[in-house]
Amino acid sequence: MESPDSSTTGLHTPPSLSAVEICAGAGGQALGLEAAGFSHAVAVEIEAAACETLTRNRPEWNVLLQDVRSLSGRDFHGIDLLAGGVPCPPFSIAGRQLGGDDERDLFPTAIRLIAEAEPRAVMLENVPGLASNRFSDYRRHLAGQIARLGYEVDWRILNACDYGVPQLRPRFVLVALRPDAADRFSWPEPGPSPPTVGEALRDLMASGGWKGASSWAVHASGVGPTLVGGSRKHGGPDVGPSRARAGWMQLGVDGRGIADGPPPADFPVDGLPRLTVRMGARVQGFPDSWEFAGRKTAAWRQVGNAFPPPVAQAVGQQIALALVRRAAHPFPETAGPQSAILLEDVVAV
């Protein structure tokens, strides 16, 4: 089953709303927001390989290779959406959950950029650990700062598997809107059940001639555990810590490393294959046409740290609908990832 390109999903519409994205990574969130109708004024990323990925796939985008701390929001004052996936380690178990005491915490920078740019909407995502009791004070402080800037703030834990992605991958997603748009925003409803890992990857597993691909696909009959990419300082090319590897093992995948290619013809019929970068990208919801720059470790880090495009699309479309709705032309309160309502129909009002 090939992962559909956003240009062929029916929800991809000509961009009509502007966005600035910080910590853009390999473009998972940006790709989803593009499909939801946003045009990127700029995408900022500190990793050279990820910037190359962005420019290789979207040469028309304004991609900046720089530390987001040096960005001025005043250069993009009045943008429709400020979005980003600020670094996760401060709130993840692997990152020791230091929160605001972690030098990698970029939420203060995001707050500054919101104050300077005064966007109509904000969308920030992070690991679900940010929703834990450990960070309740930090979370209230964060929401309070954004509220004092004139926004209504809400957040949810969204599972990628609820939006067509064959992976659990829960994410903390914060959305902030001006009051006149906030009362028109609703979180996306879950869509149909996602494909299993076997259904999603069977053709890729078979592409090297492996005779066991079909039986493997039958066995891999669930959604995958959350993929982990590692950080700039830690983590190599594997699916993640021991718990994640055990989960992938139950699906017939050896998670101790990432393969350079699919299983060859002489691979044991009952063997345990490893994922490739392309397989991981498909599990994340990237279209097969999306190319990742860099060597295997760098490419896998981009894949494993991405925000799945279908989830970003689902939330982004709801933000877009809230921004462009007119009181005289009411629309349904929810529009899930498979909604028949097209953004272009709303924009035409």
Protein backbone atom coordinates (compact mmCIF):
# COMPACT_ATOMS: atom_id res chain seq x y z
CA MET A 1 0.00 0.00 0.00
CA GLU A 2 1.64 3.23 -1.08
CA SER A 3 1.29 6.19 1.20
CA PRO A 4 -0.69 8.85 -0.70
CA ASP A 5 0.97 12.07 -1.64
CA SER A 6 -0.80 15.10 -0.17
CA SER A 7 -1.32 16.42 -3.69
CA THR A 8 -3.68 13.56 -4.47
CA THR A 9 -5.71 13.26 -1.26
CA GLY A 10 -8.55 15.61 -2.16
CA LEU A 11 -7.82 17.76 0.90
CA HIS A 12 -4.83 19.43 -0.74
CA THR A 13 -5.90 22.89 -1.87
CA PRO A 14 -4.08 25.94 -3.22
CA PRO A 15 -2.39 27.66 -0.26
CA SER A 16 -4.43 30.60 1.03
CA LEU A 17 -3.14 31.11 4.56
CA SER A 18 0.40 31.98 5.63
CA ALA A 19 2.54 30.11 8.14
CA VAL A 20 5.90 30.39 9.87
CA GLU A 21 7.31 27.12 11.14
CA ILE A 22 10.04 26.80 13.73
CA CYS A 23 12.01 23.61 14.44
CA ALA A 24 10.70 22.32 11.13
CA GLY A 25 12.76 19.13 11.04
CA ALA A 26 12.20 16.99 7.96
CA GLY A 27 8.90 18.71 7.24
CA GLY A 28 6.27 16.37 8.67
CA GLN A 29 4.24 19.16 10.22
CA ALA A 30 4.94 21.50 7.32
CA LEU A 31 3.78 18.93 4.79
CA GLY A 32 0.55 18.38 6.72
CA LEU A 33 -0.09 22.11 7.06
CA GLU A 34 0.55 22.56 3.35
CA ALA A 35 -2.13 19.95 2.66
CA ALA A 36 -4.45 21.87 4.99
CA GLY A 37 -4.04 25.04 2.90
CA PHE A 38 -1.13 26.90 4.49
CA SER A 39 1.71 28.47 2.51
CA HIS A 40 5.00 28.70 4.40
CA ALA A 41 6.53 32.16 4.57
CA VAL A 42 9.54 30.53 6.22
CA ALA A 43 10.62 27.22 7.72
CA VAL A 44 13.42 27.41 10.30
CA GLU A 45 15.60 24.43 11.22
CA ILE A 46 19.02 24.09 12.86
CA GLU A 47 19.98 20.70 11.35
CA ALA A 48 21.71 20.99 7.98
CA ALA A 49 20.52 17.59 6.74
CA ALA A 50 16.90 18.42 7.58
CA CYS A 51 17.19 21.76 5.78
CA GLU A 52 18.51 19.93 2.74
CA THR A 53 15.51 17.60 2.96
CA LEU A 54 13.15 20.57 2.98
CA THR A 55 14.80 22.36 0.06
CA ARG A 56 15.13 19.15 -1.95
CA ASN A 57 11.41 18.44 -1.70
CA ARG A 58 10.10 22.02 -1.71
CA PRO A 59 12.66 24.22 -3.46
CA GLU A 60 10.13 27.05 -3.51
CA TRP A 61 10.01 27.24 0.29
CA ASN A 62 12.04 29.82 2.19
CA VAL A 63 14.14 27.50 4.38
CA LEU A 64 16.44 29.06 6.97
CA LEU A 65 19.32 27.08 8.47
CA GLN A 66 19.65 28.82 11.82
CA ASP A 67 19.00 28.60 15.53
CA VAL A 68 15.42 29.70 16.10
CA ARG A 69 16.63 31.76 19.06
CA SER A 70 18.09 34.22 16.56
CA LEU A 71 14.81 34.59 14.64
CA SER A 72 12.79 37.79 14.97
CA GLY A 73 9.02 37.41 14.90
CA ARG A 74 8.71 41.05 13.85
CA ASP A 75 9.84 40.00 10.38
CA PHE A 76 6.60 38.02 10.05
CA HIS A 77 4.18 40.24 11.93
CA GLY A 78 0.55 39.35 11.34
CA ILE A 79 1.22 35.85 9.97
CA ASP A 80 -1.80 33.56 10.00
CA LEU A 81 -0.13 30.67 11.83
CA LEU A 82 3.01 30.21 13.91
CA ALA A 83 3.68 26.48 14.18
CA GLY A 84 6.46 24.25 15.36
CA GLY A 85 7.60 21.09 17.05
CA VAL A 86 9.80 22.47 19.80
CA PRO A 87 12.47 20.03 21.08
CA CYS A 88 11.08 17.05 22.98
CA PRO A 89 13.99 15.97 25.25
CA PRO A 90 13.14 18.44 28.06
CA PHE A 91 9.84 16.59 28.56
CA SER A 92 10.74 13.04 27.56
CA ILE A 93 11.90 10.20 29.78
CA ALA A 94 14.96 9.72 27.59
CA GLY A 95 15.78 13.40 28.03
CA ARG A 96 15.55 13.11 31.85
CA GLN A 97 12.44 15.36 31.94
CA LEU A 98 14.22 18.49 33.13
CA GLY A 99 11.51 20.68 31.61
CA GLY A 100 12.20 24.40 31.92
CA ASP A 101 15.58 23.67 33.49
CA ASP A 102 16.77 22.05 30.26
CA GLU A 103 18.83 24.30 27.99
CA ARG A 104 17.04 22.73 25.02
CA ASP A 105 13.65 24.07 26.15
CA LEU A 106 12.53 26.40 23.37
CA PHE A 107 9.07 27.22 24.66
CA PRO A 108 10.35 30.60 25.98
CA THR A 109 11.58 31.34 22.45
CA ALA A 110 8.20 30.34 21.03
CA ILE A 111 6.48 32.72 23.47
CA ARG A 112 8.77 35.55 22.39
CA LEU A 113 8.05 34.88 18.74
CA ILE A 114 4.30 34.85 19.39
CA ALA A 115 4.58 38.22 21.15
CA GLU A 116 6.62 39.68 18.28
CA ALA A 117 4.75 38.18 15.33
CA GLU A 118 1.21 38.36 16.78
CA PRO A 119 -0.04 35.50 14.57
CA ARG A 120 -3.73 34.77 14.23
CA ALA A 121 -3.16 31.22 15.42
CA VAL A 122 -0.50 29.09 17.11
CA MET A 123 0.13 25.34 16.90
CA LEU A 124 2.89 23.71 18.94
CA GLU A 125 3.51 19.99 19.40
CA ASN A 126 5.61 17.95 21.79
CA VAL A 127 5.81 14.57 23.50
CA PRO A 128 2.85 13.46 25.66
CA GLY A 129 5.10 13.72 28.73
CA LEU A 130 4.33 17.45 28.73
CA ALA A 131 0.76 16.53 29.74
CA SER A 132 1.91 14.63 32.84
CA ASN A 133 1.40 15.81 36.40
CA ARG A 134 5.14 16.42 36.63
CA PHE A 135 4.78 19.39 34.28
CA SER A 136 1.36 20.69 35.35
CA ASP A 137 2.84 23.93 36.74
CA TYR A 138 4.98 24.44 33.65
CA ARG A 139 1.98 23.76 31.41
CA ARG A 140 -0.19 26.28 33.28
CA HIS A 141 2.64 28.82 33.12
CA LEU A 142 2.98 28.28 29.38
CA ALA A 143 -0.76 28.57 28.74
CA GLY A 144 -0.95 31.64 30.98
CA GLN A 145 1.79 33.43 29.06
CA ILE A 146 0.07 32.76 25.73
CA ALA A 147 -3.31 33.81 27.16
CA ARG A 148 -1.84 37.12 28.34
CA LEU A 149 -0.86 37.77 24.73
CA GLY A 150 -4.55 37.68 23.77
CA TYR A 151 -5.17 34.05 22.86
CA GLU A 152 -7.45 31.29 24.04
CA VAL A 153 -5.40 28.16 24.61
CA ASP A 154 -6.36 24.51 24.42
CA TRP A 155 -4.37 21.28 24.14
CA ARG A 156 -4.98 17.62 23.50
CA ILE A 157 -3.09 14.35 23.34
CA LEU A 158 -3.66 13.05 19.80
CA ASN A 159 -2.74 9.52 18.70
CA ALA A 160 -1.43 9.29 15.15
CA CYS A 161 -3.25 5.98 14.64
CA ASP A 162 -6.56 7.88 14.90
CA TYR A 163 -5.69 9.76 11.71
CA GLY A 164 -4.71 7.00 9.33
CA VAL A 165 -1.12 6.44 10.50
CA PRO A 166 -0.04 2.82 11.24
CA GLN A 167 1.68 3.87 14.47
CA LEU A 168 0.42 4.77 17.94
CA ARG A 169 2.57 7.90 18.39
CA PRO A 170 0.69 10.04 20.92
CA ARG A 171 1.60 13.73 20.73
CA PHE A 172 0.86 16.75 22.87
CA VAL A 173 -0.66 19.40 20.59
CA LEU A 174 -1.34 22.97 21.74
CA VAL A 175 -3.57 25.28 19.72
CA ALA A 176 -4.07 28.96 20.51
CA LEU A 177 -6.41 31.30 18.66
CA ARG A 178 -7.75 34.82 19.03
CA PRO A 179 -11.15 34.83 20.77
CA ASP A 180 -13.11 35.55 17.57
CA ALA A 181 -11.71 32.37 15.99
CA ALA A 182 -11.35 30.22 19.10
CA ASP A 183 -15.09 29.68 19.45
CA ARG A 184 -15.14 28.31 15.90
CA PHE A 185 -12.33 25.83 16.46
CA SER A 186 -12.92 22.17 17.26
CA TRP A 187 -10.44 19.33 17.45
CA PRO A 188 -10.47 16.87 14.54
CA GLU A 189 -12.51 13.74 15.01
CA PRO A 190 -10.73 10.38 14.67
CA GLY A 191 -10.93 8.83 11.22
CA PRO A 192 -11.32 5.21 10.12
CA SER A 193 -8.99 2.54 11.47
CA PRO A 194 -5.47 2.88 10.06
CA PRO A 195 -3.79 0.15 8.02
CA THR A 196 -1.76 -2.37 9.97
CA VAL A 197 2.02 -2.29 9.76
CA GLY A 198 1.83 -5.35 7.52
CA GLU A 199 -0.67 -3.75 5.17
CA ALA A 200 1.36 -0.55 5.03
CA LEU A 201 4.75 -2.15 4.42
CA ARG A 202 4.10 -5.44 2.58
CA ASP A 203 5.08 -4.08 -0.85
CA LEU A 204 8.28 -2.50 0.50
CA MET A 205 9.21 -5.69 2.34
CA ALA A 206 8.68 -7.64 -0.90
CA SER A 207 10.52 -5.17 -3.15
CA GLY A 208 13.86 -7.00 -2.76
CA GLY A 209 12.40 -10.37 -3.66
CA TRP A 210 11.81 -11.67 -0.12
CA LYS A 211 9.45 -14.65 -0.35
CA GLY A 212 8.31 -14.27 3.24
CA ALA A 213 6.84 -10.78 2.81
CA SER A 214 3.19 -11.85 2.48
CA SER A 215 3.22 -14.13 5.52
CA TRP A 216 5.13 -11.47 7.46
CA ALA A 217 2.45 -8.91 6.58
CA VAL A 218 -0.29 -11.20 7.94
CA HIS A 219 1.63 -11.51 11.22
CA ALA A 220 2.27 -7.75 11.47
CA SER A 221 -1.41 -7.19 12.14
CA GLY A 222 -1.35 -4.13 14.39
CA VAL A 223 -0.16 -0.53 14.53
CA GLY A 224 3.46 0.05 15.46
CA PRO A 225 4.87 1.49 18.68
CA THR A 226 6.15 5.04 18.54
CA LEU A 227 9.31 5.33 16.44
CA VAL A 228 12.20 7.17 18.05
CA GLY A 229 14.85 9.03 16.10
CA GLY A 230 17.28 10.05 18.80
CA SER A 231 18.71 13.50 19.44
CA ARG A 232 21.65 15.40 17.98
CA LYS A 233 23.86 14.08 20.80
CA HIS A 234 22.35 10.68 21.54
CA GLY A 235 20.63 7.83 19.73
CA GLY A 236 21.56 5.78 16.71
CA PRO A 237 19.59 4.27 13.84
CA ASP A 238 17.17 1.92 15.62
CA VAL A 239 13.47 2.02 16.47
CA GLY A 240 14.03 3.22 20.02
CA PRO A 241 14.54 1.96 23.58
CA SER A 242 13.98 -1.62 24.73
CA ARG A 243 10.22 -1.23 25.19
CA ALA A 244 9.79 0.02 21.63
CA ARG A 245 12.01 -2.73 20.26
CA ALA A 246 9.93 -5.33 22.12
CA GLY A 247 6.76 -3.91 20.60
CA TRP A 248 8.20 -4.07 17.11
CA MET A 249 9.41 -7.60 17.75
CA GLN A 250 5.79 -8.64 18.33
CA LEU A 251 5.06 -7.34 14.83
CA GLY A 252 7.92 -9.39 13.37
CA VAL A 253 10.44 -6.56 13.11
CA ASP A 254 13.98 -6.58 14.45
CA GLY A 255 14.25 -3.10 15.94
CA ARG A 256 17.91 -3.24 16.94
CA GLY A 257 18.97 -1.41 13.81
CA ILE A 258 17.83 0.13 10.54
CA ALA A 259 18.47 -1.74 7.29
CA ASP A 260 20.09 -0.24 4.21
CA GLY A 261 17.55 -1.96 1.96
CA PRO A 262 14.60 -4.37 2.00
CA PRO A 263 15.11 -8.07 2.76
CA PRO A 264 16.80 -9.78 -0.22
CA ALA A 265 15.51 -12.85 -2.02
CA ASP A 266 17.63 -15.19 0.10
CA PHE A 267 16.44 -13.72 3.41
CA PRO A 268 14.94 -16.51 5.57
CA VAL A 269 11.21 -16.87 4.93
CA ASP A 270 10.56 -16.82 8.69
CA GLY A 271 13.24 -14.22 9.43
CA LEU A 272 12.85 -10.94 11.30
CA PRO A 273 13.44 -8.05 8.89
CA ARG A 274 14.54 -4.58 9.91
CA LEU A 275 12.87 -1.37 8.81
CA THR A 276 14.52 0.88 6.24
CA VAL A 277 14.38 4.67 6.31
CA ARG A 278 11.68 4.55 3.64
CA MET A 279 9.63 2.06 5.65
CA GLY A 280 9.90 4.23 8.74
CA ALA A 281 8.82 7.25 6.72
CA ARG A 282 5.73 5.43 5.52
CA VAL A 283 4.91 4.35 9.08
CA GLN A 284 5.11 8.06 9.96
CA GLY A 285 2.67 8.97 7.19
CA PHE A 286 5.11 10.61 4.76
CA PRO A 287 4.39 10.17 1.05
CA ASP A 288 6.84 7.90 -0.76
CA SER A 289 7.89 10.85 -2.92
CA TRP A 290 9.42 12.65 0.11
CA GLU A 291 13.21 12.28 -0.02
CA PHE A 292 15.40 12.44 3.08
CA ALA A 293 18.89 13.94 2.88
CA GLY A 294 21.94 12.74 4.77
CA ARG A 295 23.42 9.39 5.70
CA LYS A 296 21.33 6.70 7.35
CA THR A 297 21.66 7.93 10.93
CA ALA A 298 20.82 11.53 10.01
CA ALA A 299 17.95 10.46 7.76
CA TRP A 300 16.52 8.13 10.40
CA ARG A 301 16.72 10.87 13.03
CA GLN A 302 14.63 13.08 10.76
CA VAL A 303 12.07 10.32 10.25
CA GLY A 304 11.87 9.23 13.87
CA ASN A 305 11.49 12.76 15.23
CA ALA A 306 8.82 13.86 12.76
CA PHE A 307 5.26 14.92 13.47
CA PRO A 308 3.16 12.68 11.18
CA PRO A 309 1.84 14.74 8.25
CA PRO A 310 -1.73 13.32 8.44
CA VAL A 311 -2.06 14.45 12.06
CA ALA A 312 -0.71 17.92 11.25
CA GLN A 313 -3.12 18.07 8.32
CA ALA A 314 -6.10 17.14 10.48
CA VAL A 315 -5.34 19.80 13.10
CA GLY A 316 -4.23 22.36 10.52
CA GLN A 317 -7.45 22.03 8.59
CA GLN A 318 -9.45 22.70 11.74
CA ILE A 319 -7.36 25.80 12.43
CA ALA A 320 -7.82 26.96 8.84
CA LEU A 321 -11.57 26.46 9.03
CA ALA A 322 -11.73 28.46 12.25
CA LEU A 323 -9.77 31.31 10.67
CA VAL A 324 -11.83 31.58 7.51
CA ARG A 325 -15.37 30.76 8.67
CA ARG A 326 -18.03 33.44 8.36
CA ALA A 327 -20.95 33.73 10.78
CA ALA A 328 -23.39 33.95 7.88
CA HIS A 329 -22.10 30.67 6.46
CA PRO A 330 -22.02 28.13 9.30
CA PHE A 331 -20.15 24.91 8.86
CA PRO A 332 -20.19 21.67 10.86
CA GLU A 333 -18.29 21.87 14.12
CA THR A 334 -15.89 19.09 13.18
CA ALA A 335 -14.15 18.10 10.00
CA GLY A 336 -12.03 15.01 10.45
CA PRO A 337 -9.12 14.00 8.25
CA GLN A 338 -11.47 12.40 5.71
CA SER A 339 -14.00 15.27 5.71
CA ALA A 340 -15.73 16.14 2.47
CA ILE A 341 -15.48 19.86 3.30
CA LEU A 342 -12.70 21.35 1.22
CA LEU A 343 -10.85 24.42 2.35
CA GLU A 344 -11.26 25.94 -1.09
CA ASP A 345 -15.05 25.83 -0.63
CA VAL A 346 -14.73 27.79 2.60
CA VAL A 347 -12.30 30.31 1.18
CA ALA A 348 -14.69 31.00 -1.66
CA VAL A 349 -17.36 32.26 0.77
